[in-house]
Amino acid sequence: MRLTRFLSSFRFAAQGIGTSLKREQNMQVHLFSAVIVAIAGIWTGLDQMEWMLVIILIGGMFALELINSALERTVDLVTEERHPLAKQAKDMAAGAVLVFAVTSAIIGLLIFLPKWF
């Protein structure tokens, strides 16, 4: 029984990721970007530490986008009216994704540009 519940948690998590990839345009953009970065990393010949940073950034971006999408859906479930607090919650979550995306891009530039130039 415990093993079944444990394994079900992985199935539910995979369904959440799948739903996000199917229905969230931003998640699709992040996936496309991750593929491009991975190809660039292979082409550039990143070392182990650089790969670890890139993988952490990609995983963090996916995780944060999943949290943002879950928060948006939760707010939409709680209220259908346009409420200033609902807007603020959604905007703050989107802002968190933007901060991490910009930070990731800067770190990516710090990793890749010296190797290219």
N, C-alpha and C. Protein backbone atom coordinates (compact mmCIF):
# COMPACT_ATOMS: atom_id res chain seq x y z
N MET A 1 0.82 -1.20 0.00
CA MET A 1 0.00 0.00 0.00
C MET A 1 0.87 1.26 0.00
N ARG A 2 1.87 1.31 0.86
CA ARG A 2 2.76 2.48 0.91
C ARG A 2 3.54 2.63 -0.39
N LEU A 3 4.01 1.51 -0.93
CA LEU A 3 4.76 1.56 -2.19
C LEU A 3 3.88 2.08 -3.31
N THR A 4 2.63 1.64 -3.34
CA THR A 4 1.70 2.08 -4.37
C THR A 4 1.48 3.59 -4.28
N ARG A 5 1.28 4.09 -3.05
CA ARG A 5 1.11 5.54 -2.88
C ARG A 5 2.37 6.29 -3.28
N PHE A 6 3.52 5.73 -2.91
CA PHE A 6 4.79 6.36 -3.25
C PHE A 6 4.96 6.44 -4.76
N LEU A 7 4.69 5.35 -5.45
CA LEU A 7 4.82 5.33 -6.91
C LEU A 7 3.78 6.22 -7.57
N SER A 8 2.60 6.30 -6.98
CA SER A 8 1.56 7.18 -7.52
C SER A 8 1.99 8.63 -7.47
N SER A 9 2.75 9.01 -6.45
CA SER A 9 3.20 10.40 -6.36
C SER A 9 4.08 10.77 -7.56
N PHE A 10 4.88 9.83 -8.05
CA PHE A 10 5.68 10.09 -9.24
C PHE A 10 4.81 10.23 -10.48
N ARG A 11 3.77 9.39 -10.55
CA ARG A 11 2.85 9.45 -11.68
C ARG A 11 2.12 10.80 -11.70
N PHE A 12 1.66 11.24 -10.53
CA PHE A 12 0.95 12.52 -10.44
C PHE A 12 1.89 13.67 -10.82
N ALA A 13 3.13 13.60 -10.35
CA ALA A 13 4.10 14.64 -10.68
C ALA A 13 4.35 14.68 -12.19
N ALA A 14 4.49 13.51 -12.80
CA ALA A 14 4.70 13.44 -14.25
C ALA A 14 3.49 14.00 -15.00
N GLN A 15 2.29 13.72 -14.49
CA GLN A 15 1.08 14.28 -15.12
C GLN A 15 1.08 15.80 -15.03
N GLY A 16 1.53 16.34 -13.90
CA GLY A 16 1.60 17.80 -13.75
C GLY A 16 2.59 18.41 -14.72
N ILE A 17 3.73 17.78 -14.87
CA ILE A 17 4.73 18.28 -15.83
C ILE A 17 4.16 18.20 -17.25
N GLY A 18 3.52 17.07 -17.57
CA GLY A 18 2.93 16.90 -18.90
C GLY A 18 1.86 17.93 -19.19
N THR A 19 1.00 18.18 -18.22
CA THR A 19 -0.04 19.19 -18.38
C THR A 19 0.57 20.56 -18.63
N SER A 20 1.60 20.87 -17.88
CA SER A 20 2.26 22.16 -18.04
C SER A 20 2.89 22.29 -19.42
N LEU A 21 3.54 21.23 -19.88
CA LEU A 21 4.17 21.28 -21.21
C LEU A 21 3.13 21.39 -22.32
N LYS A 22 1.96 20.80 -22.13
CA LYS A 22 0.91 20.86 -23.15
C LYS A 22 0.18 22.20 -23.16
N ARG A 23 -0.02 22.78 -21.98
CA ARG A 23 -0.94 23.92 -21.88
C ARG A 23 -0.29 25.26 -21.57
N GLU A 24 0.96 25.25 -21.18
CA GLU A 24 1.61 26.51 -20.79
C GLU A 24 2.65 26.91 -21.83
N GLN A 25 2.37 27.98 -22.53
CA GLN A 25 3.30 28.45 -23.57
C GLN A 25 4.68 28.76 -22.99
N ASN A 26 4.71 29.37 -21.81
CA ASN A 26 6.01 29.71 -21.22
C ASN A 26 6.83 28.47 -20.91
N MET A 27 6.17 27.39 -20.50
CA MET A 27 6.90 26.15 -20.22
C MET A 27 7.47 25.59 -21.52
N GLN A 28 6.74 25.72 -22.61
CA GLN A 28 7.24 25.27 -23.90
C GLN A 28 8.45 26.10 -24.33
N VAL A 29 8.40 27.40 -24.06
CA VAL A 29 9.54 28.27 -24.37
C VAL A 29 10.74 27.86 -23.53
N HIS A 30 10.52 27.58 -22.25
CA HIS A 30 11.63 27.16 -21.38
C HIS A 30 12.22 25.83 -21.85
N LEU A 31 11.37 24.91 -22.28
CA LEU A 31 11.87 23.63 -22.79
C LEU A 31 12.71 23.84 -24.05
N PHE A 32 12.20 24.65 -24.97
CA PHE A 32 12.95 24.95 -26.19
C PHE A 32 14.30 25.58 -25.85
N SER A 33 14.28 26.54 -24.93
CA SER A 33 15.51 27.21 -24.51
C SER A 33 16.49 26.22 -23.87
N ALA A 34 15.96 25.30 -23.06
CA ALA A 34 16.82 24.31 -22.42
C ALA A 34 17.50 23.41 -23.45
N VAL A 35 16.76 23.04 -24.49
CA VAL A 35 17.34 22.21 -25.55
C VAL A 35 18.45 22.98 -26.27
N ILE A 36 18.21 24.25 -26.58
CA ILE A 36 19.23 25.07 -27.24
C ILE A 36 20.47 25.20 -26.36
N VAL A 37 20.26 25.44 -25.06
CA VAL A 37 21.40 25.58 -24.13
C VAL A 37 22.17 24.26 -24.05
N ALA A 38 21.46 23.14 -24.01
CA ALA A 38 22.14 21.84 -23.95
C ALA A 38 22.97 21.60 -25.21
N ILE A 39 22.41 21.93 -26.36
CA ILE A 39 23.16 21.78 -27.62
C ILE A 39 24.38 22.70 -27.60
N ALA A 40 24.19 23.93 -27.16
CA ALA A 40 25.32 24.87 -27.07
C ALA A 40 26.36 24.37 -26.08
N GLY A 41 25.92 23.76 -24.98
CA GLY A 41 26.85 23.23 -23.99
C GLY A 41 27.69 22.10 -24.55
N ILE A 42 27.04 21.21 -25.31
CA ILE A 42 27.77 20.11 -25.94
C ILE A 42 28.75 20.65 -26.96
N TRP A 43 28.29 21.56 -27.79
CA TRP A 43 29.12 22.16 -28.84
C TRP A 43 30.31 22.92 -28.23
N THR A 44 30.07 23.60 -27.12
CA THR A 44 31.10 24.41 -26.48
C THR A 44 32.07 23.56 -25.67
N GLY A 45 31.63 22.41 -25.20
CA GLY A 45 32.49 21.56 -24.38
C GLY A 45 32.57 22.03 -22.94
N LEU A 46 31.42 22.22 -22.32
CA LEU A 46 31.40 22.66 -20.93
C LEU A 46 32.06 21.62 -20.03
N ASP A 47 32.71 22.11 -18.96
CA ASP A 47 33.29 21.17 -18.01
C ASP A 47 32.22 20.74 -17.00
N GLN A 48 32.59 19.85 -16.10
CA GLN A 48 31.62 19.28 -15.17
C GLN A 48 30.94 20.33 -14.30
N MET A 49 31.69 21.27 -13.78
CA MET A 49 31.12 22.31 -12.91
C MET A 49 30.15 23.20 -13.70
N GLU A 50 30.53 23.53 -14.92
CA GLU A 50 29.65 24.35 -15.76
C GLU A 50 28.35 23.61 -16.07
N TRP A 51 28.44 22.31 -16.36
CA TRP A 51 27.24 21.52 -16.61
C TRP A 51 26.34 21.48 -15.37
N MET A 52 26.98 21.35 -14.20
CA MET A 52 26.17 21.32 -12.97
C MET A 52 25.40 22.62 -12.80
N LEU A 53 26.05 23.74 -13.06
CA LEU A 53 25.37 25.03 -12.96
C LEU A 53 24.23 25.13 -13.98
N VAL A 54 24.50 24.74 -15.20
CA VAL A 54 23.48 24.81 -16.26
C VAL A 54 22.29 23.92 -15.90
N ILE A 55 22.55 22.72 -15.42
CA ILE A 55 21.47 21.81 -15.06
C ILE A 55 20.65 22.36 -13.89
N ILE A 56 21.32 22.93 -12.90
CA ILE A 56 20.60 23.54 -11.77
C ILE A 56 19.72 24.69 -12.26
N LEU A 57 20.24 25.51 -13.15
CA LEU A 57 19.47 26.64 -13.67
C LEU A 57 18.26 26.16 -14.48
N ILE A 58 18.47 25.17 -15.33
CA ILE A 58 17.35 24.65 -16.13
C ILE A 58 16.31 24.01 -15.23
N GLY A 59 16.74 23.18 -14.30
CA GLY A 59 15.79 22.55 -13.37
C GLY A 59 15.06 23.56 -12.51
N GLY A 60 15.78 24.58 -12.05
CA GLY A 60 15.15 25.63 -11.25
C GLY A 60 14.12 26.41 -12.05
N MET A 61 14.43 26.65 -13.31
CA MET A 61 13.49 27.38 -14.16
C MET A 61 12.21 26.58 -14.37
N PHE A 62 12.36 25.28 -14.66
CA PHE A 62 11.19 24.42 -14.81
C PHE A 62 10.37 24.38 -13.52
N ALA A 63 11.05 24.19 -12.40
CA ALA A 63 10.35 24.10 -11.12
C ALA A 63 9.60 25.39 -10.80
N LEU A 64 10.25 26.52 -11.02
CA LEU A 64 9.62 27.80 -10.71
C LEU A 64 8.44 28.06 -11.64
N GLU A 65 8.56 27.68 -12.90
CA GLU A 65 7.44 27.86 -13.83
C GLU A 65 6.26 26.96 -13.44
N LEU A 66 6.55 25.75 -12.97
CA LEU A 66 5.48 24.87 -12.50
C LEU A 66 4.77 25.47 -11.29
N ILE A 67 5.53 26.03 -10.36
CA ILE A 67 4.94 26.66 -9.18
C ILE A 67 4.10 27.87 -9.60
N ASN A 68 4.61 28.67 -10.51
CA ASN A 68 3.88 29.83 -11.00
C ASN A 68 2.55 29.41 -11.63
N SER A 69 2.59 28.38 -12.47
CA SER A 69 1.37 27.91 -13.12
C SER A 69 0.38 27.36 -12.10
N ALA A 70 0.87 26.63 -11.11
CA ALA A 70 -0.01 26.09 -10.08
C ALA A 70 -0.66 27.23 -9.28
N LEU A 71 0.12 28.25 -8.97
CA LEU A 71 -0.43 29.39 -8.23
C LEU A 71 -1.50 30.10 -9.05
N GLU A 72 -1.23 30.31 -10.34
CA GLU A 72 -2.22 30.97 -11.20
C GLU A 72 -3.53 30.17 -11.25
N ARG A 73 -3.42 28.86 -11.37
CA ARG A 73 -4.63 28.04 -11.42
C ARG A 73 -5.37 28.07 -10.08
N THR A 74 -4.62 28.06 -9.00
CA THR A 74 -5.25 28.11 -7.68
C THR A 74 -6.00 29.41 -7.49
N VAL A 75 -5.38 30.52 -7.87
CA VAL A 75 -6.06 31.82 -7.76
C VAL A 75 -7.31 31.83 -8.63
N ASP A 76 -7.21 31.30 -9.85
CA ASP A 76 -8.38 31.26 -10.73
C ASP A 76 -9.49 30.38 -10.16
N LEU A 77 -9.11 29.33 -9.45
CA LEU A 77 -10.10 28.44 -8.84
C LEU A 77 -10.82 29.12 -7.68
N VAL A 78 -10.08 29.94 -6.93
CA VAL A 78 -10.63 30.60 -5.75
C VAL A 78 -11.59 31.73 -6.12
N THR A 79 -11.25 32.48 -7.16
CA THR A 79 -12.10 33.61 -7.52
C THR A 79 -12.14 33.79 -9.04
N GLU A 80 -13.33 34.05 -9.54
CA GLU A 80 -13.48 34.34 -10.97
C GLU A 80 -13.49 35.85 -11.20
N GLU A 81 -13.71 36.61 -10.14
CA GLU A 81 -13.73 38.07 -10.30
C GLU A 81 -12.31 38.62 -10.33
N ARG A 82 -12.20 39.80 -10.90
CA ARG A 82 -10.90 40.47 -10.93
C ARG A 82 -10.70 41.18 -9.58
N HIS A 83 -9.80 40.61 -8.81
CA HIS A 83 -9.54 41.16 -7.48
C HIS A 83 -8.09 41.64 -7.45
N PRO A 84 -7.84 42.82 -6.86
CA PRO A 84 -6.48 43.34 -6.83
C PRO A 84 -5.48 42.39 -6.17
N LEU A 85 -5.88 41.69 -5.12
CA LEU A 85 -4.96 40.76 -4.46
C LEU A 85 -4.66 39.54 -5.33
N ALA A 86 -5.66 39.08 -6.08
CA ALA A 86 -5.43 37.97 -7.00
C ALA A 86 -4.44 38.38 -8.08
N LYS A 87 -4.61 39.58 -8.61
CA LYS A 87 -3.67 40.10 -9.61
C LYS A 87 -2.26 40.23 -9.04
N GLN A 88 -2.17 40.75 -7.83
CA GLN A 88 -0.85 40.90 -7.20
C GLN A 88 -0.17 39.54 -7.00
N ALA A 89 -0.92 38.55 -6.55
CA ALA A 89 -0.36 37.22 -6.35
C ALA A 89 0.17 36.65 -7.67
N LYS A 90 -0.62 36.76 -8.72
CA LYS A 90 -0.20 36.26 -10.03
C LYS A 90 1.01 37.03 -10.55
N ASP A 91 0.97 38.35 -10.41
CA ASP A 91 2.08 39.18 -10.89
C ASP A 91 3.37 38.90 -10.13
N MET A 92 3.26 38.68 -8.83
CA MET A 92 4.45 38.39 -8.02
C MET A 92 5.06 37.05 -8.42
N ALA A 93 4.22 36.05 -8.64
CA ALA A 93 4.72 34.75 -9.07
C ALA A 93 5.40 34.85 -10.44
N ALA A 94 4.78 35.59 -11.34
CA ALA A 94 5.39 35.81 -12.66
C ALA A 94 6.70 36.58 -12.52
N GLY A 95 6.74 37.52 -11.60
CA GLY A 95 7.96 38.28 -11.34
C GLY A 95 9.08 37.39 -10.85
N ALA A 96 8.76 36.41 -10.00
CA ALA A 96 9.76 35.48 -9.51
C ALA A 96 10.37 34.68 -10.67
N VAL A 97 9.51 34.26 -11.60
CA VAL A 97 10.00 33.53 -12.78
C VAL A 97 10.91 34.43 -13.61
N LEU A 98 10.51 35.69 -13.79
CA LEU A 98 11.32 36.62 -14.57
C LEU A 98 12.68 36.87 -13.92
N VAL A 99 12.70 37.05 -12.61
CA VAL A 99 13.97 37.27 -11.90
C VAL A 99 14.90 36.07 -12.11
N PHE A 100 14.35 34.86 -11.97
CA PHE A 100 15.19 33.67 -12.15
C PHE A 100 15.64 33.51 -13.59
N ALA A 101 14.78 33.85 -14.54
CA ALA A 101 15.14 33.75 -15.96
C ALA A 101 16.27 34.71 -16.30
N VAL A 102 16.17 35.95 -15.82
CA VAL A 102 17.22 36.94 -16.09
C VAL A 102 18.53 36.52 -15.41
N THR A 103 18.43 36.07 -14.17
CA THR A 103 19.62 35.60 -13.45
C THR A 103 20.26 34.42 -14.20
N SER A 104 19.44 33.50 -14.67
CA SER A 104 19.95 32.34 -15.43
C SER A 104 20.63 32.79 -16.71
N ALA A 105 20.05 33.75 -17.40
CA ALA A 105 20.64 34.25 -18.64
C ALA A 105 22.00 34.91 -18.36
N ILE A 106 22.08 35.67 -17.30
CA ILE A 106 23.36 36.31 -16.95
C ILE A 106 24.42 35.26 -16.64
N ILE A 107 24.05 34.27 -15.84
CA ILE A 107 25.01 33.20 -15.52
C ILE A 107 25.39 32.45 -16.79
N GLY A 108 24.42 32.20 -17.66
CA GLY A 108 24.72 31.54 -18.94
C GLY A 108 25.72 32.33 -19.76
N LEU A 109 25.54 33.64 -19.81
CA LEU A 109 26.49 34.48 -20.54
C LEU A 109 27.88 34.41 -19.91
N LEU A 110 27.94 34.40 -18.59
CA LEU A 110 29.23 34.31 -17.90
C LEU A 110 29.93 32.97 -18.18
N ILE A 111 29.15 31.93 -18.40
CA ILE A 111 29.72 30.61 -18.71
C ILE A 111 30.13 30.53 -20.17
N PHE A 112 29.25 30.95 -21.07
CA PHE A 112 29.47 30.71 -22.50
C PHE A 112 30.36 31.74 -23.18
N LEU A 113 30.15 33.03 -22.90
CA LEU A 113 30.87 34.08 -23.65
C LEU A 113 32.40 33.92 -23.58
N PRO A 114 33.00 33.68 -22.41
CA PRO A 114 34.46 33.52 -22.40
C PRO A 114 34.95 32.37 -23.26
N LYS A 115 34.14 31.36 -23.40
CA LYS A 115 34.55 30.19 -24.22
C LYS A 115 34.40 30.49 -25.71
N TRP A 116 33.51 31.38 -26.05
CA TRP A 116 33.27 31.70 -27.45
C TRP A 116 34.18 32.79 -27.98
N PHE A 117 34.63 33.67 -27.07
CA PHE A 117 35.43 34.81 -27.53
C PHE A 117 36.80 34.82 -26.93
